[in-house]
Amino acid sequence: MLIKSADDQSAFIAQLEHTANGQGPEAKRAAEELRIRKAGLKGESESAYLIDFDFASGRNWAVLHDLRLERNGRVAQVDHVLINRMLEVYVLESKHFRDGLKITDDGEFLRWNGYKKTFEGMPSPLAQNDRHISVLRDVMADLDLPVRMGLTLSPSFVNMVLVAPSARVDRPKRFDTSRVIKADQLKAFIEKDLDSGALLRLAKVVSSETLEQLARQLAAQHVPMQRQAPTVAPPVASNKVASDPVEQIAGPACKACNAAKGEILHGRFGYYFKCDACETNTSIKFECAPGHAPRLRKEKLEFFRECAECGTSALFHRNTQ
């Protein structure tokens, strides 16, 4: 049964397209965001179609797409969730690899860059999904879980990564990649997975009504992302300063005098803030949810704080020279 479909992003995509047709750095950022967003949506929609085809019409599975959860300052953006009557939760991360994927014996994920003709490193989607499961586990622990003979039936979780059926995947010999599969193989994989330990699973079976009730409780925890595309600043007179058209957060401050006026420079150990008032150097470090890795991105005189896991980008500082 289909409990939740993906959120409609058509208005956000249209806004990005409008901004990308403009000029300046905002248009450039919008064009890049549009490219990434469309690729991601393509992979998610292809996987969603296959999942719905195989699992959404029956009463033994609950299907949820595009589930965003927040708990204790942590955020999980889960592409797809499948829950069966044994309370087994398959957490599915969709990845769109246009030019192929390579996984090393050490578990490192590399994607092929067709333009540069080389493999490039990328965050592990398995590790990313582990973080999603950590948040999902905490959220579901607070739901009204079924009880049998005085004992609460707790869900179990399965981490899986789905890639496009047409994608090439180079697999290692030592690292276990069995949970990285092509989306059209999901049904066969789950059927084989369920065949193992079938008798033990039967002791935990709940009714279809209980499954639906639990899945709807989970869907009610969804927190939609407030998406705001970059906008192109309108023309201004030469004697006025244009307002910043993108989201801006608190910028760097000197560790010695707390002054905020200065320049971001790059040195031996990365970017740092040089205070104009006392010339003290202050390292730049960002904090985010556990497991997230926010970074500083430079574009001419502007510096942006970006977090791939949160999907956020905000202006952090603008140098004067």
Protein backbone atom coordinates (compact mmCIF):
# COMPACT_ATOMS: atom_id res chain seq x y z
CA MET A 1 0.00 0.00 0.00
CA LEU A 2 1.26 3.41 -0.93
CA ILE A 3 1.32 5.60 2.19
CA LYS A 4 3.32 8.61 0.99
CA SER A 5 4.37 9.82 -2.45
CA ALA A 6 7.29 12.12 -3.14
CA ASP A 7 6.72 15.81 -2.43
CA ASP A 8 5.95 17.97 -5.47
CA GLN A 9 9.05 19.96 -6.41
CA SER A 10 7.72 21.42 -9.67
CA ALA A 11 7.42 24.95 -8.27
CA PHE A 12 10.97 24.83 -6.92
CA ILE A 13 12.32 23.48 -10.22
CA ALA A 14 10.47 26.22 -12.13
CA GLN A 15 11.97 28.83 -9.83
CA LEU A 16 15.45 27.42 -10.37
CA GLU A 17 14.95 27.42 -14.15
CA HIS A 18 13.83 31.05 -14.06
CA THR A 19 16.85 32.09 -11.99
CA ALA A 20 19.27 30.03 -14.11
CA ASN A 21 18.16 31.95 -17.20
CA GLY A 22 19.45 35.18 -15.67
CA GLN A 23 22.99 36.45 -15.34
CA GLY A 24 25.58 36.68 -12.60
CA PRO A 25 26.71 34.34 -9.80
CA GLU A 26 23.14 33.65 -8.63
CA ALA A 27 22.21 32.36 -12.07
CA LYS A 28 25.33 30.20 -12.13
CA ARG A 29 24.53 28.69 -8.74
CA ALA A 30 20.93 28.08 -9.79
CA ALA A 31 22.05 26.31 -12.98
CA GLU A 32 24.33 23.98 -11.01
CA GLU A 33 21.62 23.31 -8.41
CA LEU A 34 19.15 22.64 -11.23
CA ARG A 35 21.48 20.09 -12.84
CA ILE A 36 22.05 18.24 -9.56
CA ARG A 37 18.39 18.38 -8.58
CA LYS A 38 17.12 17.06 -11.92
CA ALA A 39 19.60 14.18 -11.87
CA GLY A 40 18.58 13.24 -8.35
CA LEU A 41 14.87 13.46 -9.12
CA LYS A 42 15.34 11.30 -12.20
CA GLY A 43 16.97 8.52 -10.19
CA GLU A 44 14.40 8.75 -7.39
CA SER A 45 11.41 8.74 -9.76
CA GLU A 46 12.76 5.73 -11.69
CA SER A 47 13.24 3.81 -8.44
CA ALA A 48 9.84 4.92 -7.12
CA TYR A 49 8.12 3.60 -10.24
CA LEU A 50 9.70 0.15 -9.84
CA ILE A 51 9.01 0.06 -6.10
CA ASP A 52 5.36 1.03 -6.56
CA PHE A 53 4.94 -1.49 -9.38
CA ASP A 54 6.07 -4.37 -7.17
CA PHE A 55 4.98 -3.35 -3.66
CA ALA A 56 2.38 -0.56 -3.59
CA SER A 57 -0.70 -2.52 -4.66
CA GLY A 58 -0.72 -5.20 -1.94
CA ARG A 59 -1.51 -5.13 1.78
CA ASN A 60 1.68 -6.82 2.98
CA TRP A 61 3.92 -3.81 2.37
CA ALA A 62 3.75 -0.11 3.22
CA VAL A 63 5.58 2.23 0.85
CA LEU A 64 6.78 5.74 1.68
CA HIS A 65 8.75 8.01 -0.65
CA ASP A 66 10.71 11.19 0.08
CA LEU A 67 10.54 11.08 3.86
CA ARG A 68 12.32 13.91 5.70
CA LEU A 69 12.72 13.43 9.45
CA GLU A 70 14.14 15.63 12.20
CA ARG A 71 15.12 14.40 15.63
CA ASN A 72 17.42 15.90 18.31
CA GLY A 73 19.05 18.31 15.88
CA ARG A 74 19.65 15.59 13.28
CA VAL A 75 18.04 15.43 9.86
CA ALA A 76 17.45 12.42 7.60
CA GLN A 77 16.26 12.76 4.01
CA VAL A 78 15.18 9.22 3.13
CA ASP A 79 14.43 8.47 -0.52
CA HIS A 80 12.26 5.37 -0.03
CA VAL A 81 11.03 3.26 2.90
CA LEU A 82 9.48 -0.21 2.62
CA ILE A 83 7.90 -1.81 5.71
CA ASN A 84 6.49 -5.34 5.73
CA ARG A 85 4.23 -7.14 8.18
CA MET A 86 7.25 -8.54 10.03
CA LEU A 87 8.16 -4.91 10.83
CA GLU A 88 11.27 -5.12 8.65
CA VAL A 89 12.11 -1.66 7.39
CA TYR A 90 14.03 -1.48 4.12
CA VAL A 91 15.65 1.95 3.92
CA LEU A 92 16.49 2.67 0.29
CA GLU A 93 18.88 5.35 -0.95
CA SER A 94 18.62 6.10 -4.69
CA LYS A 95 21.71 7.24 -6.56
CA HIS A 96 21.83 8.35 -10.19
CA PHE A 97 25.21 7.45 -11.69
CA ARG A 98 25.07 8.54 -15.30
CA ASP A 99 28.58 7.36 -16.19
CA GLY A 100 29.14 4.49 -13.78
CA LEU A 101 30.22 3.61 -10.27
CA LYS A 102 33.30 1.91 -8.85
CA ILE A 103 33.64 0.50 -5.34
CA THR A 104 37.10 -0.34 -4.00
CA ASP A 105 38.18 -3.18 -1.70
CA ASP A 106 38.32 -0.61 1.12
CA GLY A 107 34.68 0.37 0.60
CA GLU A 108 35.45 3.68 -1.09
CA PHE A 109 32.86 4.84 -3.63
CA LEU A 110 34.07 6.49 -6.85
CA ARG A 111 31.98 7.98 -9.64
CA TRP A 112 33.18 8.35 -13.23
CA ASN A 113 33.58 11.92 -14.48
CA GLY A 114 33.03 11.69 -18.23
CA TYR A 115 34.30 15.24 -18.76
CA LYS A 116 37.60 14.74 -16.90
CA LYS A 117 37.88 11.06 -17.94
CA THR A 118 38.67 9.89 -14.42
CA PHE A 119 37.07 8.49 -11.29
CA GLU A 120 36.31 10.94 -8.48
CA GLY A 121 35.72 10.26 -4.82
CA MET A 122 32.26 10.67 -3.31
CA PRO A 123 30.64 10.12 0.10
CA SER A 124 29.66 6.52 0.77
CA PRO A 125 25.90 6.13 0.21
CA LEU A 126 25.92 3.14 2.57
CA ALA A 127 27.39 5.28 5.36
CA GLN A 128 24.97 8.07 4.48
CA ASN A 129 22.07 5.67 4.74
CA ASP A 130 23.35 4.36 8.08
CA ARG A 131 22.95 7.91 9.39
CA HIS A 132 19.43 8.04 7.98
CA ILE A 133 18.60 4.78 9.73
CA SER A 134 19.93 6.15 13.03
CA VAL A 135 17.43 9.03 12.88
CA LEU A 136 14.63 6.78 11.58
CA ARG A 137 15.22 4.32 14.43
CA ASP A 138 14.83 7.10 17.03
CA VAL A 139 11.68 8.44 15.35
CA MET A 140 10.02 5.02 15.16
CA ALA A 141 10.90 4.26 18.78
CA ASP A 142 8.53 7.08 19.77
CA LEU A 143 5.63 5.79 17.67
CA ASP A 144 2.78 3.66 18.96
CA LEU A 145 4.44 0.32 18.18
CA PRO A 146 2.42 -2.90 18.32
CA VAL A 147 2.52 -4.95 21.52
CA ARG A 148 2.22 -8.73 21.84
CA MET A 149 1.99 -10.55 25.18
CA GLY A 150 3.11 -7.43 26.96
CA LEU A 151 6.21 -6.99 24.79
CA THR A 152 6.70 -4.18 22.28
CA LEU A 153 7.50 -5.40 18.76
CA SER A 154 10.46 -3.34 17.59
CA PRO A 155 11.25 -2.87 13.89
CA SER A 156 14.49 -4.03 12.30
CA PHE A 157 16.27 -2.05 9.59
CA VAL A 158 17.96 -2.97 6.31
CA ASN A 159 20.34 -0.56 4.57
CA MET A 160 20.16 -0.68 0.76
CA VAL A 161 21.41 1.52 -2.09
CA LEU A 162 19.60 1.52 -5.43
CA VAL A 163 21.30 2.48 -8.69
CA ALA A 164 19.78 2.83 -12.15
CA PRO A 165 19.27 -0.41 -14.10
CA SER A 166 21.47 1.00 -16.89
CA ALA A 167 24.34 2.01 -14.61
CA ARG A 168 27.68 0.21 -14.72
CA VAL A 169 28.92 -0.93 -11.31
CA ASP A 170 32.51 -2.14 -10.85
CA ARG A 171 32.54 -4.24 -7.67
CA PRO A 172 35.52 -5.26 -5.53
CA LYS A 173 36.42 -8.78 -4.47
CA ARG A 174 36.72 -8.21 -0.71
CA PHE A 175 34.27 -5.46 0.28
CA ASP A 176 30.65 -6.64 0.59
CA THR A 177 28.50 -4.75 -1.91
CA SER A 178 25.45 -7.02 -1.73
CA ARG A 179 23.33 -4.13 -0.45
CA VAL A 180 24.14 -2.03 -3.53
CA ILE A 181 21.81 -3.28 -6.24
CA LYS A 182 20.12 -2.11 -9.40
CA ALA A 183 16.60 -0.85 -8.83
CA ASP A 184 14.98 -3.44 -11.08
CA GLN A 185 16.52 -6.23 -8.95
CA LEU A 186 14.95 -5.08 -5.69
CA LYS A 187 11.97 -7.44 -5.70
CA ALA A 188 14.12 -10.52 -6.39
CA PHE A 189 16.61 -9.45 -3.71
CA ILE A 190 13.90 -8.99 -1.06
CA GLU A 191 12.22 -12.30 -1.93
CA LYS A 192 15.53 -14.08 -1.48
CA ASP A 193 16.20 -12.16 1.72
CA LEU A 194 12.81 -13.14 3.15
CA ASP A 195 13.30 -16.82 2.33
CA SER A 196 16.15 -16.99 4.82
CA GLY A 197 14.88 -17.33 8.39
CA ALA A 198 11.23 -17.41 7.30
CA LEU A 199 10.05 -19.34 10.37
CA LEU A 200 11.57 -16.86 12.79
CA ARG A 201 9.92 -14.01 10.93
CA LEU A 202 6.43 -15.53 11.20
CA ALA A 203 6.46 -15.09 14.96
CA LYS A 204 6.55 -11.34 14.46
CA VAL A 205 3.82 -10.92 11.83
CA VAL A 206 1.28 -8.16 12.42
CA SER A 207 -1.98 -7.52 10.59
CA SER A 208 -2.21 -5.34 7.49
CA GLU A 209 -4.26 -2.85 9.52
CA THR A 210 -1.54 -2.59 12.15
CA LEU A 211 1.09 -2.14 9.44
CA GLU A 212 -0.90 0.64 7.83
CA GLN A 213 -1.47 2.38 11.15
CA LEU A 214 2.24 2.29 11.94
CA ALA A 215 3.22 3.54 8.47
CA ARG A 216 0.76 6.44 8.68
CA GLN A 217 2.19 7.41 12.05
CA LEU A 218 5.63 7.52 10.44
CA ALA A 219 4.37 9.55 7.47
CA ALA A 220 2.94 12.10 9.93
CA GLN A 221 6.52 12.73 11.17
CA HIS A 222 7.53 14.05 7.71
CA VAL A 223 8.90 17.61 7.84
CA PRO A 224 8.94 19.14 4.33
CA MET A 225 12.05 21.07 3.41
CA GLN A 226 11.53 24.80 2.97
CA ARG A 227 13.13 25.20 -0.43
CA GLN A 228 14.16 28.64 -1.65
CA ALA A 229 15.95 28.95 -4.97
CA PRO A 230 18.59 31.67 -5.44
CA THR A 231 17.09 34.76 -7.01
CA VAL A 232 18.70 37.25 -9.35
CA ALA A 233 19.10 40.64 -7.75
CA PRO A 234 17.25 43.42 -9.59
CA PRO A 235 19.28 46.23 -11.21
CA VAL A 236 20.15 49.04 -8.79
CA ALA A 237 21.41 52.54 -9.20
CA SER A 238 25.18 52.98 -9.15
CA ASN A 239 25.07 54.94 -5.86
CA LYS A 240 23.22 52.15 -4.02
CA VAL A 241 24.33 48.78 -2.69
CA ALA A 242 22.39 45.77 -3.96
CA SER A 243 20.77 43.62 -1.31
CA ASP A 244 22.09 40.08 -0.99
CA PRO A 245 19.70 37.83 -2.98
CA VAL A 246 20.69 34.55 -1.29
CA GLU A 247 20.30 33.18 2.20
CA GLN A 248 23.00 34.54 4.50
CA ILE A 249 24.19 33.22 7.85
CA ALA A 250 26.40 34.67 10.57
CA GLY A 251 29.90 35.09 9.21
CA PRO A 252 33.34 34.57 10.74
CA ALA A 253 34.49 36.37 13.87
CA CYS A 254 37.98 36.93 15.27
CA LYS A 255 38.87 34.57 18.13
CA ALA A 256 40.88 37.34 19.83
CA CYS A 257 38.68 40.45 19.60
CA ASN A 258 35.44 39.05 18.12
CA ALA A 259 35.57 41.54 15.26
CA ALA A 260 33.76 40.53 12.09
CA LYS A 261 35.60 42.75 9.63
CA GLY A 262 38.35 41.00 7.72
CA GLU A 263 39.20 38.70 4.84
CA ILE A 264 39.01 34.94 4.33
CA LEU A 265 42.35 33.68 3.04
CA HIS A 266 43.80 30.30 2.15
CA GLY A 267 46.90 28.95 3.84
CA ARG A 268 48.77 25.74 4.53
CA PHE A 269 45.97 24.26 6.62
CA GLY A 270 43.03 25.52 4.57
CA TYR A 271 40.86 28.61 4.78
CA TYR A 272 41.13 31.02 7.72
CA PHE A 273 39.77 34.45 8.72
CA LYS A 274 42.29 37.30 9.07
CA CYS A 275 40.99 40.08 11.33
CA ASP A 276 41.43 43.64 10.07
CA ALA A 277 41.40 45.04 13.64
CA CYS A 278 44.12 42.95 15.32
CA GLU A 279 45.42 40.81 12.42
CA THR A 280 44.74 37.57 14.32
CA ASN A 281 44.18 34.47 12.20
CA THR A 282 41.11 32.37 13.06
CA SER A 283 40.51 28.92 11.58
CA ILE A 284 37.13 28.30 9.98
CA LYS A 285 35.21 25.29 11.27
CA PHE A 286 31.55 24.47 10.71
CA GLU A 287 29.30 22.33 12.88
CA CYS A 288 26.24 20.46 11.69
CA ALA A 289 24.29 17.33 12.50
CA PRO A 290 26.35 14.24 13.47
CA GLY A 291 27.85 12.60 10.41
CA HIS A 292 27.46 15.71 8.25
CA ALA A 293 30.47 17.38 6.65
CA PRO A 294 29.71 21.03 5.85
CA ARG A 295 32.35 22.78 3.76
CA LEU A 296 33.37 26.23 2.60
CA ARG A 297 32.99 26.99 -1.10
CA LYS A 298 34.62 30.02 -2.71
CA GLU A 299 33.17 31.85 -5.68
CA LYS A 300 35.22 34.96 -6.56
CA LEU A 301 34.91 37.21 -3.47
CA GLU A 302 32.07 35.25 -1.90
CA PHE A 303 32.29 32.27 0.45
CA PHE A 304 29.41 29.86 1.06
CA ARG A 305 28.74 27.35 3.81
CA GLU A 306 27.41 24.21 2.17
CA CYS A 307 26.26 20.84 3.52
CA ALA A 308 25.55 18.07 1.02
CA GLU A 309 23.73 15.96 3.62
CA CYS A 310 21.33 18.80 4.53
CA GLY A 311 21.13 20.09 0.96
CA THR A 312 21.81 23.67 2.13
CA SER A 313 23.93 26.53 0.81
CA ALA A 314 24.21 29.96 2.45
CA LEU A 315 26.43 33.01 2.02
CA PHE A 316 28.98 33.05 4.85
CA HIS A 317 31.30 35.98 4.01
CA ARG A 318 32.21 38.38 1.24
CA ASN A 319 35.78 39.64 0.90
CA THR A 320 36.34 43.25 -0.06
CA GLN A 321 39.42 42.59 -2.19
